[in-house]
Amino acid sequence: MATGYEVGIRALARREYSQSELSQKLKQKGYAAPEVNAAIARLKSEGVLCDLRFTQAYIHARMGRGYGPF
């Protein structure tokens, strides 16, 4: 079985996730809270997981679909 970190890397390779989304995803896959917390901390420290980058990508995607003032 892959580690929580490895699963997180694969998920983030497909799209940006917020910290809470990724944490929930790992817990749903059966990873225990300590492993999830360690994976999240490592991903953040490596710069792979970033809530600011997630927010920017989310806003850009929504604007591209016609939401917002533009």
Protein backbone atom coordinates (compact mmCIF):
# COMPACT_ATOMS: atom_id res chain seq x y z
CA MET A 1 0.00 0.00 0.00
CA ALA A 2 1.27 3.45 -0.91
CA THR A 3 1.98 5.97 1.83
CA GLY A 4 -0.26 8.97 2.43
CA TYR A 5 2.50 11.15 1.04
CA GLU A 6 2.67 9.16 -2.22
CA VAL A 7 -1.11 9.25 -2.65
CA GLY A 8 -1.04 13.00 -1.99
CA ILE A 9 1.65 13.54 -4.63
CA ARG A 10 -0.35 11.58 -7.21
CA ALA A 11 -3.53 13.53 -6.41
CA LEU A 12 -1.72 16.87 -6.66
CA ALA A 13 -0.22 15.85 -10.00
CA ARG A 14 -3.74 15.81 -11.42
CA ARG A 15 -5.02 19.08 -9.91
CA GLU A 16 -4.54 21.51 -7.05
CA TYR A 17 -6.16 20.59 -3.72
CA SER A 18 -6.64 22.65 -0.61
CA GLN A 19 -5.12 21.32 2.58
CA SER A 20 -8.53 20.36 3.94
CA GLU A 21 -9.62 18.67 0.68
CA LEU A 22 -6.47 16.57 0.51
CA SER A 23 -6.69 15.70 4.19
CA GLN A 24 -10.28 14.52 3.74
CA LYS A 25 -9.34 12.55 0.62
CA LEU A 26 -6.55 10.70 2.45
CA LYS A 27 -8.81 9.92 5.42
CA GLN A 28 -11.49 8.54 3.05
CA LYS A 29 -8.84 6.25 1.58
CA GLY A 30 -8.25 4.80 5.05
CA TYR A 31 -5.14 6.61 6.23
CA ALA A 32 -4.94 7.31 9.96
CA ALA A 33 -4.86 10.90 11.21
CA PRO A 34 -1.16 10.86 12.22
CA GLU A 35 -0.11 9.70 8.74
CA VAL A 36 -2.40 12.24 7.08
CA ASN A 37 -0.99 15.04 9.22
CA ALA A 38 2.58 13.97 8.47
CA ALA A 39 1.87 13.76 4.72
CA ILE A 40 0.21 17.19 4.69
CA ALA A 41 3.09 18.74 6.64
CA ARG A 42 5.68 17.24 4.28
CA LEU A 43 3.78 18.29 1.15
CA LYS A 44 3.45 21.85 2.50
CA SER A 45 7.12 22.06 3.51
CA GLU A 46 8.16 20.92 0.02
CA GLY A 47 5.89 23.53 -1.57
CA VAL A 48 3.78 20.92 -3.34
CA LEU A 49 0.62 21.73 -1.37
CA CYS A 50 -0.32 25.41 -1.19
CA ASP A 51 -3.73 26.82 -0.28
CA LEU A 52 -2.92 30.11 -2.05
CA ARG A 53 -2.11 28.30 -5.30
CA PHE A 54 -5.30 26.23 -4.93
CA THR A 55 -7.36 29.40 -4.47
CA GLN A 56 -5.81 31.05 -7.51
CA ALA A 57 -6.47 27.96 -9.66
CA TYR A 58 -10.05 27.73 -8.39
CA ILE A 59 -10.77 31.39 -9.16
CA HIS A 60 -9.18 31.10 -12.61
CA ALA A 61 -11.28 28.02 -13.41
CA ARG A 62 -14.52 29.65 -12.24
CA MET A 63 -13.81 32.81 -14.23
CA GLY A 64 -13.14 30.66 -17.29
CA ARG A 65 -16.65 29.21 -16.91
CA GLY A 66 -18.26 32.65 -16.86
CA TYR A 67 -18.63 33.18 -13.10
CA GLY A 68 -17.68 36.50 -11.57
CA PRO A 69 -17.68 40.09 -12.76
CA PHE A 70 -15.55 39.50 -15.88
